[in-house]
Amino acid sequence: MRILLAEDDLDLGQSLKEGLEIHGYRIDWVQDGQFALTALQTTSEHFDLAILDINMPKLSGLEVLKKIRDAQNALPVIILTAKDEIDHRVKGLDCGADDYIVKPFDLNELCARIRSIARRSAERIDPILRLGDLALDPAKYLVNIKEDSITFSRREFALLQKLMEKPGNVISRDVLSQTLYGWGDDVDSNTIEVHIHNLRKKIGDAAHIRTLRGIGYLIEDTKK
């Protein structure tokens, strides 16, 4: 999952970026509202979720939220507020925020809220992604085939999760690349192909990852 984090507090922003990346998320961090809005309006950029601080320079988090909702952008958004900003929390939800979290907060709570929004966006109730004998648990960072646990690198796990969130649907190479890498990352031209190759070796016959040349990839349940 690729997340845009908009937070002008340098210590908090750095801490959130590092902590969320440890949990397997790809984080692009900006420090003012105008930069956040520009990133969200750039058609070549694909984000799965945005985390917006209420109080930011140039544009507030509420202003950014309102502008993206006015543009019919349904991107899931979590707003960050201080304890005494009850009015801002209400306005944020009224403007279309999917959730809010009050500072200071525990990183595990934020991750749980991110997972909850991801499930709602995919219209799932079960927190575990399942495809035949293949099961992926985002919270525990585990992948099982039947009773066997399979070890994946952080990027392999993120790639498999992205494919399993929409089984049978084609995910473009660009979207997969942006799921794994953010601004400033040095990405080789064949990186996605290498990760796909490794996934196929590890999941074996449990699921089939198809390549649609020039388009992208999709994952199928081999038992269907």
C-alpha atoms as a PDB file:
ATOM      1  CA  MET A   1       0.000   0.000   0.000  1.00  0.00           C
ATOM      2  CA  ARG A   2       1.344   3.412  -0.980  1.00  0.00           C
ATOM      3  CA  ILE A   3       0.451   6.253   1.385  1.00  0.00           C
ATOM      4  CA  LEU A   4       0.852  10.010   1.090  1.00  0.00           C
ATOM      5  CA  LEU A   5       1.761  11.417   4.494  1.00  0.00           C
ATOM      6  CA  ALA A   6       1.280  15.173   4.919  1.00  0.00           C
ATOM      7  CA  GLU A   7       2.766  16.310   8.239  1.00  0.00           C
ATOM      8  CA  ASP A   8       4.817  19.458   8.851  1.00  0.00           C
ATOM      9  CA  ASP A   9       6.220  18.404  12.233  1.00  0.00           C
ATOM     10  CA  LEU A  10       9.654  17.070  11.278  1.00  0.00           C
ATOM     11  CA  ASP A  11      10.107  14.722  14.227  1.00  0.00           C
ATOM     12  CA  LEU A  12       6.609  13.258  13.978  1.00  0.00           C
ATOM     13  CA  GLY A  13       6.737  13.010  10.203  1.00  0.00           C
ATOM     14  CA  GLN A  14      10.076  11.187  10.212  1.00  0.00           C
ATOM     15  CA  SER A  15       8.898   8.879  12.995  1.00  0.00           C
ATOM     16  CA  LEU A  16       5.661   8.034  11.162  1.00  0.00           C
ATOM     17  CA  LYS A  17       7.468   7.458   7.864  1.00  0.00           C
ATOM     18  CA  GLU A  18       9.985   5.083   9.408  1.00  0.00           C
ATOM     19  CA  GLY A  19       7.410   3.294  11.561  1.00  0.00           C
ATOM     20  CA  LEU A  20       4.900   2.766   8.757  1.00  0.00           C
ATOM     21  CA  GLU A  21       7.624   1.535   6.408  1.00  0.00           C
ATOM     22  CA  ILE A  22       8.612  -1.068   9.003  1.00  0.00           C
ATOM     23  CA  HIS A  23       4.988  -2.255   8.844  1.00  0.00           C
ATOM     24  CA  GLY A  24       5.347  -2.715   5.085  1.00  0.00           C
ATOM     25  CA  TYR A  25       3.771   0.501   3.771  1.00  0.00           C
ATOM     26  CA  ARG A  26       5.351   2.651   1.059  1.00  0.00           C
ATOM     27  CA  ILE A  27       5.384   6.232   2.391  1.00  0.00           C
ATOM     28  CA  ASP A  28       5.834   9.501   0.508  1.00  0.00           C
ATOM     29  CA  TRP A  29       6.116  12.337   3.024  1.00  0.00           C
ATOM     30  CA  VAL A  30       5.356  15.992   2.314  1.00  0.00           C
ATOM     31  CA  GLN A  31       5.436  18.891   4.742  1.00  0.00           C
ATOM     32  CA  ASP A  32       2.855  21.372   3.477  1.00  0.00           C
ATOM     33  CA  GLY A  33      -0.697  21.252   2.186  1.00  0.00           C
ATOM     34  CA  GLN A  34       0.038  22.662  -1.260  1.00  0.00           C
ATOM     35  CA  PHE A  35       2.623  19.973  -1.958  1.00  0.00           C
ATOM     36  CA  ALA A  36       0.137  17.344  -0.736  1.00  0.00           C
ATOM     37  CA  LEU A  37      -2.582  18.655  -3.053  1.00  0.00           C
ATOM     38  CA  THR A  38      -0.207  18.763  -6.022  1.00  0.00           C
ATOM     39  CA  ALA A  39       0.870  15.170  -5.401  1.00  0.00           C
ATOM     40  CA  LEU A  40      -2.746  14.005  -5.168  1.00  0.00           C
ATOM     41  CA  GLN A  41      -3.720  15.861  -8.337  1.00  0.00           C
ATOM     42  CA  THR A  42      -0.826  14.486 -10.400  1.00  0.00           C
ATOM     43  CA  THR A  43      -2.350  11.798 -12.595  1.00  0.00           C
ATOM     44  CA  SER A  44       0.892   9.828 -12.875  1.00  0.00           C
ATOM     45  CA  GLU A  45       0.974   9.276  -9.105  1.00  0.00           C
ATOM     46  CA  HIS A  46      -1.066   6.467  -7.535  1.00  0.00           C
ATOM     47  CA  PHE A  47      -1.791   6.508  -3.808  1.00  0.00           C
ATOM     48  CA  ASP A  48      -3.930   4.038  -1.872  1.00  0.00           C
ATOM     49  CA  LEU A  49      -4.510   6.351   1.101  1.00  0.00           C
ATOM     50  CA  ALA A  50      -3.613   9.808   2.418  1.00  0.00           C
ATOM     51  CA  ILE A  51      -2.858  10.837   5.996  1.00  0.00           C
ATOM     52  CA  LEU A  52      -3.375  14.595   6.407  1.00  0.00           C
ATOM     53  CA  ASP A  53      -2.432  16.691   9.412  1.00  0.00           C
ATOM     54  CA  ILE A  54      -5.033  19.384  10.091  1.00  0.00           C
ATOM     55  CA  ASN A  55      -2.577  22.223  10.714  1.00  0.00           C
ATOM     56  CA  MET A  56      -0.117  22.578   7.831  1.00  0.00           C
ATOM     57  CA  PRO A  57       1.509  25.542   6.029  1.00  0.00           C
ATOM     58  CA  LYS A  58       0.074  26.911   2.753  1.00  0.00           C
ATOM     59  CA  LEU A  59      -3.067  24.742   2.849  1.00  0.00           C
ATOM     60  CA  SER A  60      -4.598  23.078   5.883  1.00  0.00           C
ATOM     61  CA  GLY A  61      -5.459  19.411   5.889  1.00  0.00           C
ATOM     62  CA  LEU A  62      -9.155  20.328   5.738  1.00  0.00           C
ATOM     63  CA  GLU A  63      -8.577  22.522   2.673  1.00  0.00           C
ATOM     64  CA  VAL A  64      -6.683  19.717   0.929  1.00  0.00           C
ATOM     65  CA  LEU A  65      -9.441  17.254   1.808  1.00  0.00           C
ATOM     66  CA  LYS A  66     -12.181  19.546   0.536  1.00  0.00           C
ATOM     67  CA  LYS A  67     -10.387  20.155  -2.762  1.00  0.00           C
ATOM     68  CA  ILE A  68      -9.825  16.481  -3.494  1.00  0.00           C
ATOM     69  CA  ARG A  69     -13.440  15.627  -2.628  1.00  0.00           C
ATOM     70  CA  ASP A  70     -14.678  18.518  -4.792  1.00  0.00           C
ATOM     71  CA  ALA A  71     -12.689  16.902  -7.620  1.00  0.00           C
ATOM     72  CA  GLN A  72     -14.623  13.629  -7.043  1.00  0.00           C
ATOM     73  CA  ASN A  73     -11.496  11.906  -5.766  1.00  0.00           C
ATOM     74  CA  ALA A  74     -12.594   9.047  -3.485  1.00  0.00           C
ATOM     75  CA  LEU A  75      -9.109   8.340  -2.103  1.00  0.00           C
ATOM     76  CA  PRO A  76      -9.379   7.145   1.527  1.00  0.00           C
ATOM     77  CA  VAL A  77      -8.191   9.852   3.950  1.00  0.00           C
ATOM     78  CA  ILE A  78      -7.248   9.802   7.630  1.00  0.00           C
ATOM     79  CA  ILE A  79      -6.893  13.164   9.348  1.00  0.00           C
ATOM     80  CA  LEU A  80      -4.527  13.848  12.254  1.00  0.00           C
ATOM     81  CA  THR A  81      -5.822  16.225  14.925  1.00  0.00           C
ATOM     82  CA  ALA A  82      -4.860  17.498  18.359  1.00  0.00           C
ATOM     83  CA  LYS A  83      -6.935  16.745  21.456  1.00  0.00           C
ATOM     84  CA  ASP A  84      -8.578  20.184  21.524  1.00  0.00           C
ATOM     85  CA  GLU A  85      -9.586  20.208  17.839  1.00  0.00           C
ATOM     86  CA  ILE A  86     -13.062  18.678  18.186  1.00  0.00           C
ATOM     87  CA  ASP A  87     -14.548  21.110  15.660  1.00  0.00           C
ATOM     88  CA  HIS A  88     -11.841  20.180  13.161  1.00  0.00           C
ATOM     89  CA  ARG A  89     -12.573  16.478  13.593  1.00  0.00           C
ATOM     90  CA  VAL A  90     -16.264  17.074  12.947  1.00  0.00           C
ATOM     91  CA  LYS A  91     -15.510  19.257   9.915  1.00  0.00           C
ATOM     92  CA  GLY A  92     -13.067  16.683   8.606  1.00  0.00           C
ATOM     93  CA  LEU A  93     -15.636  13.901   8.725  1.00  0.00           C
ATOM     94  CA  ASP A  94     -18.248  16.205   7.181  1.00  0.00           C
ATOM     95  CA  CYS A  95     -15.787  17.053   4.381  1.00  0.00           C
ATOM     96  CA  GLY A  96     -15.332  13.381   3.548  1.00  0.00           C
ATOM     97  CA  ALA A  97     -12.566  12.033   5.771  1.00  0.00           C
ATOM     98  CA  ASP A  98     -12.781   8.280   6.288  1.00  0.00           C
ATOM     99  CA  ASP A  99     -11.336   8.391   9.794  1.00  0.00           C
ATOM    100  CA  TYR A 100      -9.384  10.555  12.204  1.00  0.00           C
ATOM    101  CA  ILE A 101      -6.818   9.903  14.896  1.00  0.00           C
ATOM    102  CA  VAL A 102      -5.944  12.171  17.816  1.00  0.00           C
ATOM    103  CA  LYS A 103      -2.359  13.079  18.688  1.00  0.00           C
ATOM    104  CA  PRO A 104      -0.511  11.616  20.481  1.00  0.00           C
ATOM    105  CA  PHE A 105      -1.358   8.152  19.208  1.00  0.00           C
ATOM    106  CA  ASP A 106       0.153   4.694  19.082  1.00  0.00           C
ATOM    107  CA  LEU A 107       1.557   3.565  15.743  1.00  0.00           C
ATOM    108  CA  ASN A 108      -0.206   0.201  16.075  1.00  0.00           C
ATOM    109  CA  GLU A 109      -3.552   1.984  16.354  1.00  0.00           C
ATOM    110  CA  LEU A 110      -2.838   3.961  13.187  1.00  0.00           C
ATOM    111  CA  CYS A 111      -1.894   0.749  11.349  1.00  0.00           C
ATOM    112  CA  ALA A 112      -5.117  -0.890  12.542  1.00  0.00           C
ATOM    113  CA  ARG A 113      -7.139   2.051  11.222  1.00  0.00           C
ATOM    114  CA  ILE A 114      -5.318   1.837   7.875  1.00  0.00           C
ATOM    115  CA  ARG A 115      -6.126  -1.874   7.619  1.00  0.00           C
ATOM    116  CA  SER A 116      -9.761  -1.221   8.533  1.00  0.00           C
ATOM    117  CA  ILE A 117     -10.109   1.384   5.782  1.00  0.00           C
ATOM    118  CA  ALA A 118      -8.434  -0.967   3.293  1.00  0.00           C
ATOM    119  CA  ARG A 119     -10.965  -3.692   4.140  1.00  0.00           C
ATOM    120  CA  ARG A 120     -13.886  -1.302   3.778  1.00  0.00           C
ATOM    121  CA  SER A 121     -12.544  -0.058   0.454  1.00  0.00           C
ATOM    122  CA  ALA A 122     -12.368  -3.639  -0.785  1.00  0.00           C
ATOM    123  CA  GLU A 123     -15.752  -4.455   0.835  1.00  0.00           C
ATOM    124  CA  ARG A 124     -14.188  -7.201   2.944  1.00  0.00           C
ATOM    125  CA  ILE A 125     -15.045  -8.216   6.501  1.00  0.00           C
ATOM    126  CA  ASP A 126     -12.347 -10.825   7.070  1.00  0.00           C
ATOM    127  CA  PRO A 127      -9.009  -9.088   7.799  1.00  0.00           C
ATOM    128  CA  ILE A 128      -7.157 -12.004   6.178  1.00  0.00           C
ATOM    129  CA  LEU A 129      -6.882 -12.160   2.380  1.00  0.00           C
ATOM    130  CA  ARG A 130      -7.677 -15.660   1.116  1.00  0.00           C
ATOM    131  CA  LEU A 131      -7.294 -17.266  -2.276  1.00  0.00           C
ATOM    132  CA  GLY A 132      -7.739 -21.027  -2.303  1.00  0.00           C
ATOM    133  CA  ASP A 133      -5.065 -22.487  -0.009  1.00  0.00           C
ATOM    134  CA  LEU A 134      -3.240 -19.147   0.070  1.00  0.00           C
ATOM    135  CA  ALA A 135      -3.853 -16.837   3.051  1.00  0.00           C
ATOM    136  CA  LEU A 136      -2.202 -13.456   3.721  1.00  0.00           C
ATOM    137  CA  ASP A 137      -2.551 -11.715   7.096  1.00  0.00           C
ATOM    138  CA  PRO A 138      -1.561  -8.011   6.792  1.00  0.00           C
ATOM    139  CA  ALA A 139      -1.636  -7.434  10.565  1.00  0.00           C
ATOM    140  CA  LYS A 140       0.715 -10.300  11.436  1.00  0.00           C
ATOM    141  CA  TYR A 141       2.751 -10.052   8.233  1.00  0.00           C
ATOM    142  CA  LEU A 142       2.205 -13.743   7.530  1.00  0.00           C
ATOM    143  CA  VAL A 143       1.532 -15.802   4.410  1.00  0.00           C
ATOM    144  CA  ASN A 144       0.404 -19.407   4.682  1.00  0.00           C
ATOM    145  CA  ILE A 145      -0.233 -22.092   2.100  1.00  0.00           C
ATOM    146  CA  LYS A 146      -2.477 -24.553   3.929  1.00  0.00           C
ATOM    147  CA  GLU A 147      -0.579 -24.974   7.212  1.00  0.00           C
ATOM    148  CA  ASP A 148       2.837 -23.986   5.881  1.00  0.00           C
ATOM    149  CA  SER A 149       4.212 -20.504   6.556  1.00  0.00           C
ATOM    150  CA  ILE A 150       6.038 -18.863   3.636  1.00  0.00           C
ATOM    151  CA  THR A 151       8.721 -16.201   4.107  1.00  0.00           C
ATOM    152  CA  PHE A 152       8.638 -13.109   1.898  1.00  0.00           C
ATOM    153  CA  SER A 153      10.705  -9.947   1.714  1.00  0.00           C
ATOM    154  CA  ARG A 154       8.890  -6.697   2.574  1.00  0.00           C
ATOM    155  CA  ARG A 155       8.407  -5.796  -1.080  1.00  0.00           C
ATOM    156  CA  GLU A 156       7.381  -9.305  -2.116  1.00  0.00           C
ATOM    157  CA  PHE A 157       4.760  -9.260   0.643  1.00  0.00           C
ATOM    158  CA  ALA A 158       3.450  -5.838  -0.458  1.00  0.00           C
ATOM    159  CA  LEU A 159       3.271  -6.984  -4.073  1.00  0.00           C
ATOM    160  CA  LEU A 160       1.397 -10.194  -3.221  1.00  0.00           C
ATOM    161  CA  GLN A 161      -0.995  -8.249  -0.990  1.00  0.00           C
ATOM    162  CA  LYS A 162      -1.748  -5.784  -3.784  1.00  0.00           C
ATOM    163  CA  LEU A 163      -2.532  -8.604  -6.203  1.00  0.00           C
ATOM    164  CA  MET A 164      -4.642 -10.528  -3.672  1.00  0.00           C
ATOM    165  CA  GLU A 165      -6.733  -7.482  -2.814  1.00  0.00           C
ATOM    166  CA  LYS A 166      -8.288  -7.714  -6.287  1.00  0.00           C
ATOM    167  CA  PRO A 167      -8.025 -11.317  -7.498  1.00  0.00           C
ATOM    168  CA  GLY A 168      -8.905 -11.723 -11.143  1.00  0.00           C
ATOM    169  CA  ASN A 169      -8.350  -8.030 -11.843  1.00  0.00           C
ATOM    170  CA  VAL A 170      -5.409  -6.679 -13.797  1.00  0.00           C
ATOM    171  CA  ILE A 171      -3.074  -4.415 -11.808  1.00  0.00           C
ATOM    172  CA  SER A 172      -0.898  -2.256 -14.029  1.00  0.00           C
ATOM    173  CA  ARG A 173       2.867  -2.375 -13.798  1.00  0.00           C
ATOM    174  CA  ASP A 174       2.937   1.334 -12.893  1.00  0.00           C
ATOM    175  CA  VAL A 175       0.547   0.827  -9.963  1.00  0.00           C
ATOM    176  CA  LEU A 176       2.567  -2.132  -8.702  1.00  0.00           C
ATOM    177  CA  SER A 177       5.794  -0.150  -9.020  1.00  0.00           C
ATOM    178  CA  GLN A 178       4.316   2.746  -7.050  1.00  0.00           C
ATOM    179  CA  THR A 179       3.084   0.313  -4.409  1.00  0.00           C
ATOM    180  CA  LEU A 180       6.662  -0.774  -3.787  1.00  0.00           C
ATOM    181  CA  TYR A 181       8.661   2.382  -4.435  1.00  0.00           C
ATOM    182  CA  GLY A 182       8.287   6.066  -3.674  1.00  0.00           C
ATOM    183  CA  TRP A 183       9.922   9.301  -4.744  1.00  0.00           C
ATOM    184  CA  GLY A 184      13.700   9.135  -4.916  1.00  0.00           C
ATOM    185  CA  ASP A 185      13.945   5.345  -4.953  1.00  0.00           C
ATOM    186  CA  ASP A 186      16.319   3.924  -7.545  1.00  0.00           C
ATOM    187  CA  VAL A 187      14.265   1.343  -9.442  1.00  0.00           C
ATOM    188  CA  ASP A 188      15.666  -0.941 -12.149  1.00  0.00           C
ATOM    189  CA  SER A 189      13.511  -1.453 -15.234  1.00  0.00           C
ATOM    190  CA  ASN A 190      13.045  -5.180 -14.557  1.00  0.00           C
ATOM    191  CA  THR A 191      12.461  -4.936 -10.790  1.00  0.00           C
ATOM    192  CA  ILE A 192       8.757  -5.837 -10.909  1.00  0.00           C
ATOM    193  CA  GLU A 193       9.484  -8.829 -13.129  1.00  0.00           C
ATOM    194  CA  VAL A 194      12.086 -10.073 -10.635  1.00  0.00           C
ATOM    195  CA  HIS A 195       9.627  -9.786  -7.727  1.00  0.00           C
ATOM    196  CA  ILE A 196       6.894 -11.538  -9.743  1.00  0.00           C
ATOM    197  CA  HIS A 197       9.336 -14.352 -10.584  1.00  0.00           C
ATOM    198  CA  ASN A 198      10.143 -14.793  -6.879  1.00  0.00           C
ATOM    199  CA  LEU A 199       6.448 -14.781  -5.925  1.00  0.00           C
ATOM    200  CA  ARG A 200       5.667 -17.493  -8.465  1.00  0.00           C
ATOM    201  CA  LYS A 201       8.439 -19.699  -7.081  1.00  0.00           C
ATOM    202  CA  LYS A 202       7.253 -19.272  -3.502  1.00  0.00           C
ATOM    203  CA  ILE A 203       3.491 -19.704  -3.939  1.00  0.00           C
ATOM    204  CA  GLY A 204       3.871 -22.550  -6.420  1.00  0.00           C
ATOM    205  CA  ASP A 205       0.532 -24.100  -7.432  1.00  0.00           C
ATOM    206  CA  ALA A 206      -1.496 -22.307  -4.738  1.00  0.00           C
ATOM    207  CA  ALA A 207      -2.286 -19.442  -7.118  1.00  0.00           C
ATOM    208  CA  HIS A 208      -1.358 -18.428 -10.632  1.00  0.00           C
ATOM    209  CA  ILE A 209       0.050 -14.965 -11.443  1.00  0.00           C
ATOM    210  CA  ARG A 210      -0.643 -14.137 -15.065  1.00  0.00           C
ATOM    211  CA  THR A 211       1.334 -11.631 -17.111  1.00  0.00           C
ATOM    212  CA  LEU A 212      -0.575  -9.490 -19.598  1.00  0.00           C
ATOM    213  CA  ARG A 213       2.240  -8.047 -21.647  1.00  0.00           C
ATOM    214  CA  GLY A 214       2.177  -4.286 -21.902  1.00  0.00           C
ATOM    215  CA  ILE A 215      -0.699  -4.111 -19.394  1.00  0.00           C
ATOM    216  CA  GLY A 216       0.126  -5.648 -16.023  1.00  0.00           C
ATOM    217  CA  TYR A 217      -0.478  -8.705 -13.843  1.00  0.00           C
ATOM    218  CA  LEU A 218      -3.343 -10.537 -12.180  1.00  0.00           C
ATOM    219  CA  ILE A 219      -3.576 -13.379  -9.684  1.00  0.00           C
ATOM    220  CA  GLU A 220      -5.930 -16.332 -10.091  1.00  0.00           C
ATOM    221  CA  ASP A 221      -7.021 -19.114  -7.792  1.00  0.00           C
ATOM    222  CA  THR A 222      -5.708 -22.271  -9.445  1.00  0.00           C
ATOM    223  CA  LYS A 223      -8.609 -24.303  -7.992  1.00  0.00           C
ATOM    224  CA  LYS A 224     -11.258 -22.364  -9.940  1.00  0.00           C
END
